[in-house]
Amino acid sequence: MSIPRVTIVIASSLDGRIAFPDGGESHLGSKKDREILNKNLSLVDATIFGLETLKAHQSTYLIKNHFGHKKAKISERQPISIVASNSKRFNKNWKYFQQPIRRWLISSKIVDNSSNNDFEKQLLFDNSWEKTLISLKKKGINDLALLGGAKLINSFIKEDLITDIKITIIPRIIGGRYTWIPPEQSNEIFNLKKLWEIKSIKNLMNNEIHVHYKKFEMD
């Protein structure tokens, strides 16, 4: 059985950083980048991110409907939010658990539901992300947006599961350790025969650009 289309959706500085050196919640992009994010997330059935990303933001982005000059309203249709984590407990005071979304949890061991009753479903990590994605496909997830963090992105890249990359490049050099691929990983995990072709480029504001890459395999 096929797997969902998996798209990385991120904003990155020129030096590949996705957060400031001191960590915590941050959104590097401009208002236009948020509009692009809004559109990209409206195209998927679910989003997925790791526990560290959840800890940093304590919430997820909510799709909004824009009506001319009127104030944007939160859309009734939100993608399912999936957290990948083996943690048994979460901080129920995080805004994430009050947001109007469906929450699923993926972990390598099903935990006592009484400690995680804010998740609608608990799914078992099936030895590989490919097998786990097949399970998601069976549950109606055809398009998945991967929002971070670096370790989770790296896991998907190792298994060659990424079909698209939608990246907003911010014209800043930030430094620090928060890159969107863990710098300590060996280059052997990458297959240089697989390139990425540009599907679209958009100039946003403040010299930002948004690039949509699609996986292209050389003969």
C-alpha atoms as a PDB file:
ATOM      1  CA  MET A   1       0.000   0.000   0.000  1.00  0.00           C
ATOM      2  CA  SER A   2       1.183   3.516  -0.766  1.00  0.00           C
ATOM      3  CA  ILE A   3       2.045   6.060   1.892  1.00  0.00           C
ATOM      4  CA  PRO A   4       0.834   9.647   2.323  1.00  0.00           C
ATOM      5  CA  ARG A   5       2.572  12.463   0.506  1.00  0.00           C
ATOM      6  CA  VAL A   6       4.960  13.961   3.072  1.00  0.00           C
ATOM      7  CA  THR A   7       5.864  17.642   2.719  1.00  0.00           C
ATOM      8  CA  ILE A   8       8.385  19.448   4.906  1.00  0.00           C
ATOM      9  CA  VAL A   9       7.000  22.923   5.662  1.00  0.00           C
ATOM     10  CA  ILE A  10       9.550  25.202   7.331  1.00  0.00           C
ATOM     11  CA  ALA A  11      11.052  28.676   7.487  1.00  0.00           C
ATOM     12  CA  SER A  12      14.842  28.777   7.594  1.00  0.00           C
ATOM     13  CA  SER A  13      17.554  31.411   7.796  1.00  0.00           C
ATOM     14  CA  LEU A  14      20.308  31.569   5.178  1.00  0.00           C
ATOM     15  CA  ASP A  15      22.487  29.421   7.432  1.00  0.00           C
ATOM     16  CA  GLY A  16      19.818  26.773   7.885  1.00  0.00           C
ATOM     17  CA  ARG A  17      18.548  27.820  11.315  1.00  0.00           C
ATOM     18  CA  ILE A  18      14.888  27.378  12.239  1.00  0.00           C
ATOM     19  CA  ALA A  19      15.049  29.102  15.639  1.00  0.00           C
ATOM     20  CA  PHE A  20      17.146  31.646  17.476  1.00  0.00           C
ATOM     21  CA  PRO A  21      20.132  30.410  19.530  1.00  0.00           C
ATOM     22  CA  ASP A  22      18.277  30.692  22.838  1.00  0.00           C
ATOM     23  CA  GLY A  23      15.486  28.454  21.536  1.00  0.00           C
ATOM     24  CA  GLY A  24      11.868  28.825  22.587  1.00  0.00           C
ATOM     25  CA  GLU A  25       8.924  29.901  20.485  1.00  0.00           C
ATOM     26  CA  SER A  26       9.869  31.754  17.337  1.00  0.00           C
ATOM     27  CA  HIS A  27       8.576  32.390  13.863  1.00  0.00           C
ATOM     28  CA  LEU A  28      11.335  33.637  11.629  1.00  0.00           C
ATOM     29  CA  GLY A  29       9.171  34.583   8.689  1.00  0.00           C
ATOM     30  CA  SER A  30       7.128  37.666   7.855  1.00  0.00           C
ATOM     31  CA  LYS A  31       3.384  38.153   7.607  1.00  0.00           C
ATOM     32  CA  LYS A  32       3.558  36.924   4.008  1.00  0.00           C
ATOM     33  CA  ASP A  33       5.273  33.737   5.169  1.00  0.00           C
ATOM     34  CA  ARG A  34       2.422  33.138   7.600  1.00  0.00           C
ATOM     35  CA  GLU A  35      -0.014  33.510   4.712  1.00  0.00           C
ATOM     36  CA  ILE A  36       1.939  30.890   2.766  1.00  0.00           C
ATOM     37  CA  LEU A  37       1.950  28.640   5.834  1.00  0.00           C
ATOM     38  CA  ASN A  38      -1.791  29.115   6.151  1.00  0.00           C
ATOM     39  CA  LYS A  39      -2.285  28.034   2.543  1.00  0.00           C
ATOM     40  CA  ASN A  40       0.089  25.076   2.736  1.00  0.00           C
ATOM     41  CA  LEU A  41      -1.526  23.670   5.873  1.00  0.00           C
ATOM     42  CA  SER A  42      -4.983  24.038   4.377  1.00  0.00           C
ATOM     43  CA  LEU A  43      -3.937  21.494   1.724  1.00  0.00           C
ATOM     44  CA  VAL A  44      -3.068  18.640   4.088  1.00  0.00           C
ATOM     45  CA  ASP A  45      -5.024  16.137   6.148  1.00  0.00           C
ATOM     46  CA  ALA A  46      -2.628  16.190   9.084  1.00  0.00           C
ATOM     47  CA  THR A  47       0.524  17.753  10.459  1.00  0.00           C
ATOM     48  CA  ILE A  48       3.224  16.016  12.478  1.00  0.00           C
ATOM     49  CA  PHE A  49       5.961  17.292  14.768  1.00  0.00           C
ATOM     50  CA  GLY A  50       8.105  16.066  17.649  1.00  0.00           C
ATOM     51  CA  LEU A  51       7.903  16.753  21.361  1.00  0.00           C
ATOM     52  CA  GLU A  52      10.704  19.342  21.368  1.00  0.00           C
ATOM     53  CA  THR A  53       8.817  21.415  18.800  1.00  0.00           C
ATOM     54  CA  LEU A  54       5.703  21.181  20.943  1.00  0.00           C
ATOM     55  CA  LYS A  55       7.665  22.221  24.049  1.00  0.00           C
ATOM     56  CA  ALA A  56       9.111  25.222  22.223  1.00  0.00           C
ATOM     57  CA  HIS A  57       5.812  26.536  20.894  1.00  0.00           C
ATOM     58  CA  GLN A  58       3.292  24.948  23.301  1.00  0.00           C
ATOM     59  CA  SER A  59       0.745  25.283  20.493  1.00  0.00           C
ATOM     60  CA  THR A  60       0.264  24.618  16.816  1.00  0.00           C
ATOM     61  CA  TYR A  61      -0.574  26.968  13.958  1.00  0.00           C
ATOM     62  CA  LEU A  62      -4.303  27.303  13.319  1.00  0.00           C
ATOM     63  CA  ILE A  63      -5.594  27.838   9.783  1.00  0.00           C
ATOM     64  CA  LYS A  64      -7.483  31.108   9.417  1.00  0.00           C
ATOM     65  CA  ASN A  65     -10.028  32.334   6.918  1.00  0.00           C
ATOM     66  CA  HIS A  66      -9.331  35.821   5.571  1.00  0.00           C
ATOM     67  CA  PHE A  67     -12.198  38.063   4.451  1.00  0.00           C
ATOM     68  CA  GLY A  68     -10.824  41.178   2.833  1.00  0.00           C
ATOM     69  CA  HIS A  69     -10.062  43.832   5.441  1.00  0.00           C
ATOM     70  CA  LYS A  70     -12.038  42.057   8.153  1.00  0.00           C
ATOM     71  CA  LYS A  71     -10.266  40.301  10.977  1.00  0.00           C
ATOM     72  CA  ALA A  72      -9.290  36.749  10.073  1.00  0.00           C
ATOM     73  CA  LYS A  73     -11.279  33.994  11.739  1.00  0.00           C
ATOM     74  CA  ILE A  74     -10.072  30.562  12.767  1.00  0.00           C
ATOM     75  CA  SER A  75     -11.271  27.997  10.244  1.00  0.00           C
ATOM     76  CA  GLU A  76     -13.554  25.205  11.376  1.00  0.00           C
ATOM     77  CA  ARG A  77     -11.496  22.833   9.259  1.00  0.00           C
ATOM     78  CA  GLN A  78      -8.119  22.147  10.822  1.00  0.00           C
ATOM     79  CA  PRO A  79      -5.739  19.309   9.912  1.00  0.00           C
ATOM     80  CA  ILE A  80      -5.307  16.578  12.500  1.00  0.00           C
ATOM     81  CA  SER A  81      -2.326  17.416  14.701  1.00  0.00           C
ATOM     82  CA  ILE A  82      -0.019  14.442  15.319  1.00  0.00           C
ATOM     83  CA  VAL A  83       2.699  14.478  17.966  1.00  0.00           C
ATOM     84  CA  ALA A  84       5.513  11.922  17.679  1.00  0.00           C
ATOM     85  CA  SER A  85       6.788  11.232  21.182  1.00  0.00           C
ATOM     86  CA  ASN A  86       7.436   8.484  23.690  1.00  0.00           C
ATOM     87  CA  SER A  87       6.691  10.815  26.577  1.00  0.00           C
ATOM     88  CA  LYS A  88       3.993   9.567  28.923  1.00  0.00           C
ATOM     89  CA  ARG A  89       2.921  12.931  30.228  1.00  0.00           C
ATOM     90  CA  PHE A  90       2.327  16.356  28.721  1.00  0.00           C
ATOM     91  CA  ASN A  91       1.751  19.731  30.309  1.00  0.00           C
ATOM     92  CA  LYS A  92      -2.018  20.165  30.171  1.00  0.00           C
ATOM     93  CA  ASN A  93      -1.569  23.910  30.660  1.00  0.00           C
ATOM     94  CA  TRP A  94      -0.047  24.257  27.200  1.00  0.00           C
ATOM     95  CA  LYS A  95      -2.256  26.227  24.836  1.00  0.00           C
ATOM     96  CA  TYR A  96      -2.021  23.251  22.461  1.00  0.00           C
ATOM     97  CA  PHE A  97      -4.495  21.281  24.565  1.00  0.00           C
ATOM     98  CA  GLN A  98      -7.091  24.058  24.417  1.00  0.00           C
ATOM     99  CA  GLN A  99      -6.877  24.612  20.665  1.00  0.00           C
ATOM    100  CA  PRO A 100      -9.859  23.481  18.534  1.00  0.00           C
ATOM    101  CA  ILE A 101      -8.048  20.601  16.831  1.00  0.00           C
ATOM    102  CA  ARG A 102      -8.008  16.820  16.740  1.00  0.00           C
ATOM    103  CA  ARG A 103      -4.882  15.480  18.439  1.00  0.00           C
ATOM    104  CA  TRP A 104      -3.229  12.122  17.749  1.00  0.00           C
ATOM    105  CA  LEU A 105      -0.152  10.665  19.425  1.00  0.00           C
ATOM    106  CA  ILE A 106       2.386   8.319  17.807  1.00  0.00           C
ATOM    107  CA  SER A 107       4.751   6.470  20.133  1.00  0.00           C
ATOM    108  CA  SER A 108       6.684   3.219  20.150  1.00  0.00           C
ATOM    109  CA  LYS A 109       4.674   2.029  23.131  1.00  0.00           C
ATOM    110  CA  ILE A 110       1.006   2.586  23.851  1.00  0.00           C
ATOM    111  CA  VAL A 111       0.763   4.334  27.198  1.00  0.00           C
ATOM    112  CA  ASP A 112      -1.962   4.486  29.813  1.00  0.00           C
ATOM    113  CA  ASN A 113      -4.721   6.540  28.217  1.00  0.00           C
ATOM    114  CA  SER A 114      -5.676   8.060  31.558  1.00  0.00           C
ATOM    115  CA  SER A 115      -2.469  10.124  31.444  1.00  0.00           C
ATOM    116  CA  ASN A 116      -2.951  11.202  27.819  1.00  0.00           C
ATOM    117  CA  ASN A 117      -6.695  11.583  27.494  1.00  0.00           C
ATOM    118  CA  ASP A 118      -6.307  14.804  25.513  1.00  0.00           C
ATOM    119  CA  PHE A 119      -5.292  12.716  22.492  1.00  0.00           C
ATOM    120  CA  GLU A 120      -8.134  11.327  20.418  1.00  0.00           C
ATOM    121  CA  LYS A 121      -5.994   8.444  19.148  1.00  0.00           C
ATOM    122  CA  GLN A 122      -2.769   6.746  20.187  1.00  0.00           C
ATOM    123  CA  LEU A 123      -0.981   5.030  17.313  1.00  0.00           C
ATOM    124  CA  LEU A 124       1.897   2.600  17.602  1.00  0.00           C
ATOM    125  CA  PHE A 125       5.166   3.371  15.846  1.00  0.00           C
ATOM    126  CA  ASP A 126       5.582   0.254  13.674  1.00  0.00           C
ATOM    127  CA  ASN A 127       9.405  -0.222  13.619  1.00  0.00           C
ATOM    128  CA  SER A 128       9.820   2.248  10.752  1.00  0.00           C
ATOM    129  CA  TRP A 129       8.205   5.450   9.597  1.00  0.00           C
ATOM    130  CA  GLU A 130       7.281   3.853   6.301  1.00  0.00           C
ATOM    131  CA  LYS A 131       5.172   1.189   8.022  1.00  0.00           C
ATOM    132  CA  THR A 132       3.722   3.785  10.369  1.00  0.00           C
ATOM    133  CA  LEU A 133       2.769   5.996   7.422  1.00  0.00           C
ATOM    134  CA  ILE A 134       0.968   3.047   5.833  1.00  0.00           C
ATOM    135  CA  SER A 135      -1.133   2.872   8.997  1.00  0.00           C
ATOM    136  CA  LEU A 136      -1.875   6.595   8.700  1.00  0.00           C
ATOM    137  CA  LYS A 137      -2.873   6.125   5.069  1.00  0.00           C
ATOM    138  CA  LYS A 138      -5.379   3.464   6.131  1.00  0.00           C
ATOM    139  CA  LYS A 139      -6.861   6.006   8.510  1.00  0.00           C
ATOM    140  CA  GLY A 140      -7.461   8.492   5.703  1.00  0.00           C
ATOM    141  CA  ILE A 141      -4.292  10.599   5.909  1.00  0.00           C
ATOM    142  CA  ASN A 142      -3.259  11.204   2.286  1.00  0.00           C
ATOM    143  CA  ASP A 143      -1.251  14.412   2.702  1.00  0.00           C
ATOM    144  CA  LEU A 144       0.985  15.039   5.704  1.00  0.00           C
ATOM    145  CA  ALA A 145       2.906  18.214   6.591  1.00  0.00           C
ATOM    146  CA  LEU A 146       6.097  17.623   8.566  1.00  0.00           C
ATOM    147  CA  LEU A 147       6.731  20.697  10.736  1.00  0.00           C
ATOM    148  CA  GLY A 148       9.758  19.600  12.783  1.00  0.00           C
ATOM    149  CA  GLY A 149      11.881  19.178  14.663  1.00  0.00           C
ATOM    150  CA  ALA A 150      15.254  18.282  13.241  1.00  0.00           C
ATOM    151  CA  LYS A 151      15.429  14.738  14.633  1.00  0.00           C
ATOM    152  CA  LEU A 152      12.032  13.844  13.234  1.00  0.00           C
ATOM    153  CA  ILE A 153      12.849  15.381   9.838  1.00  0.00           C
ATOM    154  CA  ASN A 154      16.102  13.436   9.833  1.00  0.00           C
ATOM    155  CA  SER A 155      14.248  10.180  10.537  1.00  0.00           C
ATOM    156  CA  PHE A 156      11.984  10.723   7.530  1.00  0.00           C
ATOM    157  CA  ILE A 157      14.918  11.631   5.279  1.00  0.00           C
ATOM    158  CA  LYS A 158      16.794   8.492   6.319  1.00  0.00           C
ATOM    159  CA  GLU A 159      13.900   6.407   5.032  1.00  0.00           C
ATOM    160  CA  ASP A 160      13.544   8.535   1.878  1.00  0.00           C
ATOM    161  CA  LEU A 161       9.923   9.409   2.649  1.00  0.00           C
ATOM    162  CA  ILE A 162       9.898  13.130   1.805  1.00  0.00           C
ATOM    163  CA  THR A 163       8.131  13.996  -1.453  1.00  0.00           C
ATOM    164  CA  ASP A 164       8.119  17.796  -1.245  1.00  0.00           C
ATOM    165  CA  ILE A 165       9.942  20.573   0.587  1.00  0.00           C
ATOM    166  CA  LYS A 166       8.246  23.946   0.990  1.00  0.00           C
ATOM    167  CA  ILE A 167      10.754  26.305   2.530  1.00  0.00           C
ATOM    168  CA  THR A 168      10.706  30.025   3.159  1.00  0.00           C
ATOM    169  CA  ILE A 169      14.236  31.372   3.158  1.00  0.00           C
ATOM    170  CA  ILE A 170      14.732  34.273   5.540  1.00  0.00           C
ATOM    171  CA  PRO A 171      17.591  36.673   4.585  1.00  0.00           C
ATOM    172  CA  ARG A 172      19.265  36.518   7.976  1.00  0.00           C
ATOM    173  CA  ILE A 173      22.297  34.700   9.380  1.00  0.00           C
ATOM    174  CA  ILE A 174      21.389  33.592  12.881  1.00  0.00           C
ATOM    175  CA  GLY A 175      23.846  30.995  14.100  1.00  0.00           C
ATOM    176  CA  GLY A 176      23.257  28.620  16.982  1.00  0.00           C
ATOM    177  CA  ARG A 177      22.473  24.918  17.019  1.00  0.00           C
ATOM    178  CA  TYR A 178      18.880  24.851  15.806  1.00  0.00           C
ATOM    179  CA  THR A 179      19.302  23.639  12.222  1.00  0.00           C
ATOM    180  CA  TRP A 180      16.562  21.742  10.429  1.00  0.00           C
ATOM    181  CA  ILE A 181      18.876  18.753   9.902  1.00  0.00           C
ATOM    182  CA  PRO A 182      20.903  17.629  12.948  1.00  0.00           C
ATOM    183  CA  PRO A 183      24.516  18.711  12.208  1.00  0.00           C
ATOM    184  CA  GLU A 184      25.976  15.676  13.967  1.00  0.00           C
ATOM    185  CA  GLN A 185      24.428  13.248  11.465  1.00  0.00           C
ATOM    186  CA  SER A 186      26.714  11.460   9.000  1.00  0.00           C
ATOM    187  CA  ASN A 187      26.547  12.322   5.320  1.00  0.00           C
ATOM    188  CA  GLU A 188      26.124   8.636   4.552  1.00  0.00           C
ATOM    189  CA  ILE A 189      22.390   8.917   5.201  1.00  0.00           C
ATOM    190  CA  PHE A 190      21.904  11.031   2.074  1.00  0.00           C
ATOM    191  CA  ASN A 191      21.525   9.677  -1.441  1.00  0.00           C
ATOM    192  CA  LEU A 192      23.208  12.096  -3.828  1.00  0.00           C
ATOM    193  CA  LYS A 193      21.461  10.538  -6.838  1.00  0.00           C
ATOM    194  CA  LYS A 194      18.215  12.062  -5.642  1.00  0.00           C
ATOM    195  CA  LEU A 195      17.889  15.734  -6.420  1.00  0.00           C
ATOM    196  CA  TRP A 196      15.132  18.270  -5.862  1.00  0.00           C
ATOM    197  CA  GLU A 197      13.519  20.191  -8.705  1.00  0.00           C
ATOM    198  CA  ILE A 198      11.907  23.585  -8.274  1.00  0.00           C
ATOM    199  CA  LYS A 199       8.145  23.612  -8.746  1.00  0.00           C
ATOM    200  CA  SER A 200       7.659  27.253  -7.830  1.00  0.00           C
ATOM    201  CA  ILE A 201       9.410  30.289  -6.371  1.00  0.00           C
ATOM    202  CA  LYS A 202       7.584  33.218  -4.801  1.00  0.00           C
ATOM    203  CA  ASN A 203       9.026  36.540  -3.689  1.00  0.00           C
ATOM    204  CA  LEU A 204       7.378  37.465  -0.415  1.00  0.00           C
ATOM    205  CA  MET A 205       8.428  40.577   1.511  1.00  0.00           C
ATOM    206  CA  ASN A 206      11.589  41.791   3.209  1.00  0.00           C
ATOM    207  CA  ASN A 207      13.649  39.867   0.611  1.00  0.00           C
ATOM    208  CA  GLU A 208      12.175  36.500   1.665  1.00  0.00           C
ATOM    209  CA  ILE A 209      11.528  33.820  -0.917  1.00  0.00           C
ATOM    210  CA  HIS A 210       9.354  30.741  -0.703  1.00  0.00           C
ATOM    211  CA  VAL A 211      10.540  27.738  -2.719  1.00  0.00           C
ATOM    212  CA  HIS A 212       8.591  24.569  -3.424  1.00  0.00           C
ATOM    213  CA  TYR A 213      10.907  21.671  -4.236  1.00  0.00           C
ATOM    214  CA  LYS A 214       9.764  18.269  -5.419  1.00  0.00           C
ATOM    215  CA  LYS A 215      11.845  15.123  -5.314  1.00  0.00           C
ATOM    216  CA  PHE A 216      13.472  14.318  -8.650  1.00  0.00           C
ATOM    217  CA  GLU A 217      15.317  11.076  -9.208  1.00  0.00           C
ATOM    218  CA  MET A 218      18.126  10.959 -11.738  1.00  0.00           C
ATOM    219  CA  ASP A 219      18.294   8.031 -14.149  1.00  0.00           C
END
